Amino acid sequence: MTFALFAVGGGLVLLTVLSRLRSARWWIRLADFPRMQIASGLVLVLVAHAALIGWVSRANALFGTALLLALTYQGWRIYPYTRFASKQVLGARPVGPGPDPRGLRILVSNVLMENRSSEGLLALVRDLDPDLVFAVETDDWWTRQLAVLDERFPYRLKQPQGNYYGLNFFSKLELRSPEVRFLVESDVPSVRTGVRLRSGDWIEFYGLHPRPPEVQADTETRDAEILIVGREIRADGRPSIVAGDLNDVAWSHTTRLFQRISGTLDPRRGRGTFNTFHARYPAFRWPLDHIFFEASFTLVRLARLPNIGSDHFPVFAEVHYEPAAEAVHETPEPDHADLREAEAKVVEGKEAAGAQAIP
């Protein structure tokens, strides 16, 4: 029993240490994801350690201290995404009866390319009546199924692909300069477009789905794509929204760096984790699908939606464009080290993508 506790506890402490490293190696970056599971495991090992072994010997005391330090660190990273923390995004004020001219309703869904049941997503679109729909992992089959939305959404961008990185973007609202872009990798598209609200105000929308960390696939290209968009938002200065499956968790260093570089806010902070992956395994879930926006938006509603047969739950957000909120929100700001790190990561990502493209 003692050996098992030391082995499990030591593994959890090691994962905690790995998550602090800035390496882009896939086997290190995977430690970012299961923070809640690691924290739960640390609690169980601590309880078993206290009940079965105690703190009498120096080795046991050091082991228990390591567990406590690891748990404290994991808790510190998770805490902002609990209801006990302060909200990073203000709730929207009531705007009176009738449609909100400065409101925007967004539905984001990773459909899972092999999923051959489109009715779940189509039903959500009918029920929630979003203004924007951003669906990823859409191949030719999914693009044909979602074509029934064309009549309802007169503005569209479609990039079906059979490599898990296809996308379909639908909008009820007028678009300006809509484009499908390949920011880092030639087979990983993203969306950028202006969107005209019913009030006449223009905002920018970015839809992303970069490559995840996986065996023999490190995170240089993912990090570069996220940070390129972050730098564009800061340079552009327009009210902006970023949405999609970023294949990164809310509490990772890269995502927090993106927020500082872009100045965007996370509506989950102070409201909950809204874990979206993995839809089939409740014990192994973390927040992988995101909707960030800069400080001129307030939040009406944020929801994780029912399972549509994918390995991701869809996400829905209703926001209100309120320029006066910029003066009230506490906007993340980068320091010189952040700017240098972002520049280095973009260079590394482009170099990695170039190396992968060489036969």
Protein backbone atom coordinates (compact mmCIF):
# COMPACT_ATOMS: atom_id res chain seq x y z
CA MET A 1 0.00 0.00 0.00
CA THR A 2 2.80 2.41 0.87
CA PHE A 3 4.54 1.76 -2.44
CA ALA A 4 1.30 2.31 -4.36
CA LEU A 5 0.65 5.62 -2.59
CA PHE A 6 4.17 6.82 -3.28
CA ALA A 7 3.94 5.75 -6.93
CA VAL A 8 0.56 7.40 -7.56
CA GLY A 9 1.36 10.50 -5.53
CA GLY A 10 4.78 10.84 -7.12
CA GLY A 11 3.23 10.60 -10.58
CA LEU A 12 0.71 13.34 -9.77
CA VAL A 13 3.45 15.59 -8.39
CA LEU A 14 5.52 14.95 -11.52
CA LEU A 15 2.60 15.92 -13.77
CA THR A 16 2.21 19.12 -11.76
CA VAL A 17 5.88 19.95 -12.24
CA LEU A 18 5.71 19.17 -15.96
CA SER A 19 2.76 21.52 -16.39
CA ARG A 20 4.95 24.39 -15.17
CA LEU A 21 7.53 23.89 -17.90
CA ARG A 22 7.37 26.14 -20.96
CA SER A 23 8.35 23.39 -23.40
CA ALA A 24 6.15 22.78 -26.46
CA ARG A 25 6.76 19.01 -26.30
CA TRP A 26 3.45 17.19 -26.63
CA TRP A 27 4.03 14.90 -23.63
CA ILE A 28 4.70 17.94 -21.42
CA ARG A 29 1.83 20.08 -22.70
CA LEU A 30 -0.66 17.26 -22.14
CA ALA A 31 -0.10 17.84 -18.42
CA ASP A 32 -1.93 21.19 -18.80
CA PHE A 33 -5.27 19.53 -19.47
CA PRO A 34 -6.32 17.31 -16.49
CA ARG A 35 -5.73 19.81 -13.67
CA MET A 36 -9.01 18.99 -11.93
CA GLN A 37 -8.34 15.27 -12.19
CA ILE A 38 -4.80 15.72 -10.87
CA ALA A 39 -6.08 17.85 -7.99
CA SER A 40 -8.73 15.25 -7.12
CA GLY A 41 -6.10 12.52 -7.17
CA LEU A 42 -3.82 14.56 -4.91
CA VAL A 43 -6.63 14.98 -2.38
CA LEU A 44 -7.27 11.23 -2.32
CA VAL A 45 -3.58 10.40 -1.92
CA LEU A 46 -3.21 12.99 0.86
CA VAL A 47 -6.16 11.54 2.76
CA ALA A 48 -4.84 7.99 2.35
CA HIS A 49 -1.33 9.14 3.32
CA ALA A 50 -2.59 10.76 6.51
CA ALA A 51 -4.80 7.80 7.42
CA LEU A 52 -2.46 4.93 6.58
CA ILE A 53 1.08 6.27 6.85
CA GLY A 54 1.15 9.53 8.75
CA TRP A 55 3.84 12.19 8.94
CA VAL A 56 6.22 10.63 11.46
CA SER A 57 9.34 9.93 9.37
CA ARG A 58 11.26 12.54 7.40
CA ALA A 59 10.50 10.76 4.10
CA ASN A 60 6.77 10.66 4.81
CA ALA A 61 6.76 14.30 5.85
CA LEU A 62 8.58 15.33 2.67
CA PHE A 63 6.20 13.27 0.56
CA GLY A 64 3.16 14.83 2.24
CA THR A 65 4.61 18.31 1.79
CA ALA A 66 5.19 17.67 -1.92
CA LEU A 67 1.58 16.55 -2.26
CA LEU A 68 0.33 19.68 -0.46
CA LEU A 69 2.45 21.99 -2.61
CA ALA A 70 1.26 20.31 -5.80
CA LEU A 71 -2.37 20.52 -4.68
CA THR A 72 -1.98 24.19 -3.77
CA TYR A 73 -0.56 24.98 -7.20
CA GLN A 74 -3.29 23.07 -9.03
CA GLY A 75 -5.95 24.76 -6.92
CA TRP A 76 -4.43 28.17 -7.66
CA ARG A 77 -4.67 27.52 -11.41
CA ILE A 78 -8.24 26.17 -11.23
CA TYR A 79 -9.68 28.68 -8.74
CA PRO A 80 -10.37 31.53 -11.21
CA TYR A 81 -12.77 29.22 -13.06
CA THR A 82 -14.91 28.50 -10.02
CA ARG A 83 -17.94 30.39 -8.77
CA PHE A 84 -15.93 31.55 -5.75
CA ALA A 85 -13.68 33.78 -7.88
CA SER A 86 -14.55 37.24 -9.14
CA LYS A 87 -16.13 37.49 -12.59
CA GLN A 88 -13.83 38.73 -15.32
CA VAL A 89 -16.78 39.71 -17.53
CA LEU A 90 -19.67 41.83 -16.29
CA GLY A 91 -23.22 40.64 -16.75
CA ALA A 92 -25.18 42.65 -19.31
CA ARG A 93 -27.79 45.13 -18.12
CA PRO A 94 -31.38 44.66 -19.31
CA VAL A 95 -32.00 46.51 -22.57
CA GLY A 96 -35.79 46.50 -22.52
CA PRO A 97 -38.38 44.63 -24.60
CA GLY A 98 -37.68 43.47 -28.12
CA PRO A 99 -34.49 42.32 -29.85
CA ASP A 100 -31.21 43.74 -28.61
CA PRO A 101 -29.70 45.72 -31.52
CA ARG A 102 -26.26 45.38 -29.97
CA GLY A 103 -26.70 41.75 -28.99
CA LEU A 104 -24.98 38.79 -30.60
CA ARG A 105 -25.76 35.09 -30.16
CA ILE A 106 -22.96 32.63 -30.98
CA LEU A 107 -23.02 28.84 -31.22
CA VAL A 108 -19.70 26.96 -31.46
CA SER A 109 -19.49 23.23 -32.08
CA ASN A 110 -16.80 20.67 -32.80
CA VAL A 111 -19.06 18.15 -34.53
CA LEU A 112 -16.54 15.23 -34.61
CA MET A 113 -15.90 14.39 -38.25
CA GLU A 114 -16.94 10.72 -37.91
CA ASN A 115 -20.22 11.65 -36.22
CA ARG A 116 -22.94 10.96 -38.77
CA SER A 117 -25.85 12.46 -36.86
CA SER A 118 -26.41 16.11 -37.77
CA GLU A 119 -29.89 16.47 -36.28
CA GLY A 120 -28.60 17.28 -32.78
CA LEU A 121 -26.74 20.34 -33.98
CA LEU A 122 -29.50 21.41 -36.34
CA ALA A 123 -32.03 21.16 -33.49
CA LEU A 124 -29.86 23.41 -31.33
CA VAL A 125 -29.70 25.97 -34.12
CA ARG A 126 -33.50 25.91 -34.41
CA ASP A 127 -34.02 26.19 -30.66
CA LEU A 128 -31.40 28.81 -29.82
CA ASP A 129 -31.68 30.91 -33.00
CA PRO A 130 -28.02 32.04 -32.99
CA ASP A 131 -26.72 34.87 -35.16
CA LEU A 132 -23.42 33.09 -35.78
CA VAL A 133 -22.68 29.37 -36.03
CA PHE A 134 -19.09 28.15 -36.14
CA ALA A 135 -18.73 24.40 -36.72
CA VAL A 136 -15.38 22.61 -36.99
CA GLU A 137 -14.28 19.13 -38.09
CA THR A 138 -16.73 19.48 -40.97
CA ASP A 139 -15.93 17.30 -43.97
CA ASP A 140 -17.93 17.08 -47.22
CA TRP A 141 -20.69 15.04 -45.56
CA TRP A 142 -21.15 17.58 -42.78
CA THR A 143 -21.07 20.46 -45.22
CA ARG A 144 -23.90 18.85 -47.20
CA GLN A 145 -25.95 18.27 -44.05
CA LEU A 146 -25.46 21.83 -42.82
CA ALA A 147 -26.46 23.27 -46.19
CA VAL A 148 -30.06 23.31 -44.90
CA LEU A 149 -28.98 26.34 -42.86
CA ASP A 150 -28.13 28.37 -45.97
CA GLU A 151 -31.62 29.84 -46.26
CA ARG A 152 -31.56 31.05 -42.65
CA PHE A 153 -27.97 32.30 -42.77
CA PRO A 154 -27.35 34.33 -45.93
CA TYR A 155 -23.65 34.90 -45.17
CA ARG A 156 -21.36 31.86 -45.10
CA LEU A 157 -17.81 30.58 -45.27
CA LYS A 158 -17.24 26.88 -45.98
CA GLN A 159 -13.99 24.96 -45.99
CA PRO A 160 -14.79 21.24 -45.89
CA GLN A 161 -11.76 19.04 -45.25
CA GLY A 162 -11.26 15.37 -44.51
CA ASN A 163 -8.39 15.90 -42.04
CA TYR A 164 -10.41 16.98 -38.96
CA TYR A 165 -9.79 20.69 -39.63
CA GLY A 166 -12.66 21.58 -41.95
CA LEU A 167 -15.00 24.40 -40.93
CA ASN A 168 -18.39 25.89 -41.70
CA PHE A 169 -19.28 29.42 -40.60
CA PHE A 170 -22.82 30.80 -40.87
CA SER A 171 -24.05 34.33 -40.15
CA LYS A 172 -27.41 36.06 -40.20
CA LEU A 173 -25.60 39.38 -40.05
CA GLU A 174 -23.74 41.18 -42.80
CA LEU A 175 -20.06 40.28 -43.10
CA ARG A 176 -17.16 42.49 -44.14
CA SER A 177 -14.07 41.06 -45.83
CA PRO A 178 -14.81 37.47 -44.79
CA GLU A 179 -11.93 35.08 -45.37
CA VAL A 180 -10.72 31.58 -44.65
CA ARG A 181 -7.06 31.85 -43.68
CA PHE A 182 -4.21 29.40 -43.18
CA LEU A 183 -2.19 31.27 -40.60
CA VAL A 184 0.51 28.71 -39.81
CA GLU A 185 -0.18 25.33 -41.42
CA SER A 186 -1.35 24.84 -44.99
CA ASP A 187 -4.06 22.34 -44.00
CA VAL A 188 -5.41 24.07 -40.84
CA PRO A 189 -7.87 26.86 -41.73
CA SER A 190 -9.37 29.61 -39.60
CA VAL A 191 -11.91 32.39 -40.11
CA ARG A 192 -11.63 36.15 -39.86
CA THR A 193 -14.46 38.51 -40.74
CA GLY A 194 -16.13 41.74 -39.78
CA VAL A 195 -19.70 41.33 -38.51
CA ARG A 196 -22.24 44.15 -38.61
CA LEU A 197 -24.53 44.14 -35.58
CA ARG A 198 -28.17 45.16 -35.97
CA SER A 199 -27.24 48.51 -34.44
CA GLY A 200 -24.88 49.17 -37.35
CA ASP A 201 -21.75 48.68 -35.22
CA TRP A 202 -18.98 46.56 -36.73
CA ILE A 203 -17.04 43.96 -34.75
CA GLU A 204 -14.37 41.43 -35.72
CA PHE A 205 -14.90 37.68 -35.41
CA TYR A 206 -12.11 35.09 -35.39
CA GLY A 207 -12.87 31.36 -35.57
CA LEU A 208 -10.02 29.00 -34.70
CA HIS A 209 -9.31 25.28 -34.55
CA PRO A 210 -5.54 24.74 -34.33
CA ARG A 211 -3.82 21.38 -34.15
CA PRO A 212 -3.78 19.73 -30.67
CA PRO A 213 -0.83 18.25 -28.81
CA GLU A 214 -0.68 14.55 -29.59
CA VAL A 215 1.91 11.82 -30.01
CA GLN A 216 4.69 13.15 -32.24
CA ALA A 217 2.88 16.50 -32.63
CA ASP A 218 4.15 19.27 -30.38
CA THR A 219 2.34 22.56 -29.77
CA GLU A 220 4.49 25.11 -31.62
CA THR A 221 1.98 25.54 -34.46
CA ARG A 222 -1.04 25.66 -32.13
CA ASP A 223 0.56 28.27 -29.90
CA ALA A 224 1.66 30.36 -32.90
CA GLU A 225 -1.82 30.41 -34.44
CA ILE A 226 -3.46 31.47 -31.18
CA LEU A 227 -0.89 34.21 -30.56
CA ILE A 228 -0.96 35.52 -34.14
CA VAL A 229 -4.66 36.22 -33.64
CA GLY A 230 -3.95 37.76 -30.23
CA ARG A 231 -1.46 40.17 -31.77
CA GLU A 232 -3.88 41.05 -34.59
CA ILE A 233 -6.58 41.94 -32.09
CA ARG A 234 -4.25 44.21 -30.11
CA ALA A 235 -2.90 45.90 -33.27
CA ASP A 236 -6.34 46.31 -34.85
CA GLY A 237 -8.03 47.81 -31.79
CA ARG A 238 -11.54 46.86 -32.90
CA PRO A 239 -14.11 45.13 -30.70
CA SER A 240 -13.35 41.46 -31.28
CA ILE A 241 -14.58 37.98 -30.49
CA VAL A 242 -12.51 34.78 -30.71
CA ALA A 243 -14.29 31.43 -30.69
CA GLY A 244 -13.63 27.79 -31.42
CA ASP A 245 -11.96 24.61 -30.28
CA LEU A 246 -8.50 25.97 -29.47
CA ASN A 247 -7.21 22.55 -28.41
CA ASP A 248 -5.92 24.26 -25.29
CA VAL A 249 -7.44 24.60 -21.84
CA ALA A 250 -8.55 27.84 -20.24
CA TRP A 251 -5.92 27.71 -17.48
CA SER A 252 -2.87 26.95 -19.64
CA HIS A 253 0.05 29.35 -19.89
CA THR A 254 -0.52 29.79 -23.63
CA THR A 255 -4.20 30.70 -23.24
CA ARG A 256 -3.46 33.16 -20.44
CA LEU A 257 -0.65 34.65 -22.54
CA PHE A 258 -3.11 34.98 -25.44
CA GLN A 259 -5.48 36.88 -23.18
CA ARG A 260 -2.78 39.32 -22.12
CA ILE A 261 -1.54 39.82 -25.69
CA SER A 262 -5.06 40.29 -27.11
CA GLY A 263 -6.67 42.03 -24.15
CA THR A 264 -9.61 39.64 -24.33
CA LEU A 265 -11.71 38.44 -21.41
CA ASP A 266 -12.91 34.96 -20.47
CA PRO A 267 -16.60 34.80 -19.44
CA ARG A 268 -15.98 31.51 -17.60
CA ARG A 269 -13.90 33.20 -14.93
CA GLY A 270 -16.03 33.41 -11.81
CA ARG A 271 -18.81 31.37 -13.43
CA GLY A 272 -17.44 27.82 -13.78
CA THR A 273 -15.24 25.69 -15.98
CA PHE A 274 -17.88 24.79 -18.61
CA ASN A 275 -15.97 21.63 -19.50
CA THR A 276 -16.65 20.68 -23.12
CA PHE A 277 -14.39 17.67 -23.72
CA HIS A 278 -14.70 14.67 -23.42
CA ALA A 279 -18.49 14.46 -23.81
CA ARG A 280 -18.56 10.67 -23.32
CA TYR A 281 -16.36 10.40 -20.23
CA PRO A 282 -17.53 12.57 -17.31
CA ALA A 283 -14.42 11.78 -15.24
CA PHE A 284 -12.12 13.12 -17.96
CA ARG A 285 -13.37 16.54 -18.95
CA TRP A 286 -11.80 19.97 -19.30
CA PRO A 287 -12.61 23.33 -20.97
CA LEU A 288 -11.38 22.95 -24.56
CA ASP A 289 -13.89 25.08 -26.49
CA HIS A 290 -13.75 28.82 -25.97
CA ILE A 291 -15.44 32.15 -26.58
CA PHE A 292 -13.27 35.15 -25.68
CA PHE A 293 -14.12 38.79 -26.30
CA GLU A 294 -12.53 42.11 -25.59
CA ALA A 295 -13.64 44.54 -22.92
CA SER A 296 -16.41 46.32 -24.85
CA PHE A 297 -18.73 43.30 -24.46
CA THR A 298 -20.82 42.17 -21.51
CA LEU A 299 -22.37 38.74 -21.02
CA VAL A 300 -26.04 37.88 -21.25
CA ARG A 301 -25.71 34.10 -21.19
CA LEU A 302 -23.08 31.39 -21.39
CA ALA A 303 -24.02 27.72 -21.65
CA ARG A 304 -22.59 24.31 -22.38
CA LEU A 305 -25.16 22.62 -24.59
CA PRO A 306 -26.37 19.00 -24.75
CA ASN A 307 -24.34 16.30 -26.45
CA ILE A 308 -24.89 16.09 -30.22
CA GLY A 309 -23.04 12.79 -30.71
CA SER A 310 -19.61 14.42 -30.79
CA ASP A 311 -16.77 14.09 -28.31
CA HIS A 312 -17.25 17.83 -27.62
CA PHE A 313 -20.25 19.58 -26.14
CA PRO A 314 -21.29 22.68 -28.12
CA VAL A 315 -21.01 26.09 -26.45
CA PHE A 316 -23.44 29.01 -26.67
CA ALA A 317 -22.85 32.61 -25.69
CA GLU A 318 -25.05 35.67 -25.92
CA VAL A 319 -23.16 38.94 -25.56
CA HIS A 320 -24.00 42.63 -25.61
CA TYR A 321 -21.77 45.22 -27.24
CA GLU A 322 -21.38 47.97 -24.67
CA PRO A 323 -18.39 50.28 -25.33
CA ALA A 324 -18.75 51.91 -21.91
CA ALA A 325 -17.84 48.56 -20.32
CA GLU A 326 -14.23 49.08 -21.41
CA ALA A 327 -13.80 51.61 -18.61
CA VAL A 328 -15.12 49.14 -16.02
CA HIS A 329 -13.55 45.85 -17.07
CA GLU A 330 -10.06 45.01 -15.88
CA THR A 331 -8.36 44.24 -19.17
CA PRO A 332 -5.36 41.88 -19.23
CA GLU A 333 -2.19 43.66 -20.32
CA PRO A 334 1.09 42.18 -21.57
CA ASP A 335 4.49 43.17 -20.25
CA HIS A 336 7.68 43.23 -22.29
CA ALA A 337 8.42 39.59 -21.43
CA ASP A 338 4.98 38.56 -22.74
CA LEU A 339 5.54 40.40 -26.01
CA ARG A 340 8.95 38.81 -26.48
CA GLU A 341 7.60 35.36 -25.66
CA ALA A 342 4.70 35.76 -28.09
CA GLU A 343 7.09 36.83 -30.85
CA ALA A 344 9.35 33.85 -30.16
CA LYS A 345 6.44 31.41 -30.17
CA VAL A 346 5.13 32.73 -33.48
CA VAL A 347 8.57 32.32 -35.05
CA GLU A 348 8.91 28.80 -33.60
CA GLY A 349 5.48 27.82 -34.88
CA LYS A 350 6.14 29.02 -38.40
CA GLU A 351 9.52 27.27 -38.42
CA ALA A 352 7.91 24.05 -37.19
CA ALA A 353 5.20 24.27 -39.87
CA GLY A 354 7.86 24.86 -42.53
CA ALA A 355 9.87 21.88 -41.35
CA GLN A 356 6.77 19.65 -41.45
CA ALA A 357 6.04 20.76 -45.01
CA ILE A 358 9.47 19.64 -46.26
CA PRO A 359 9.20 16.09 -47.74
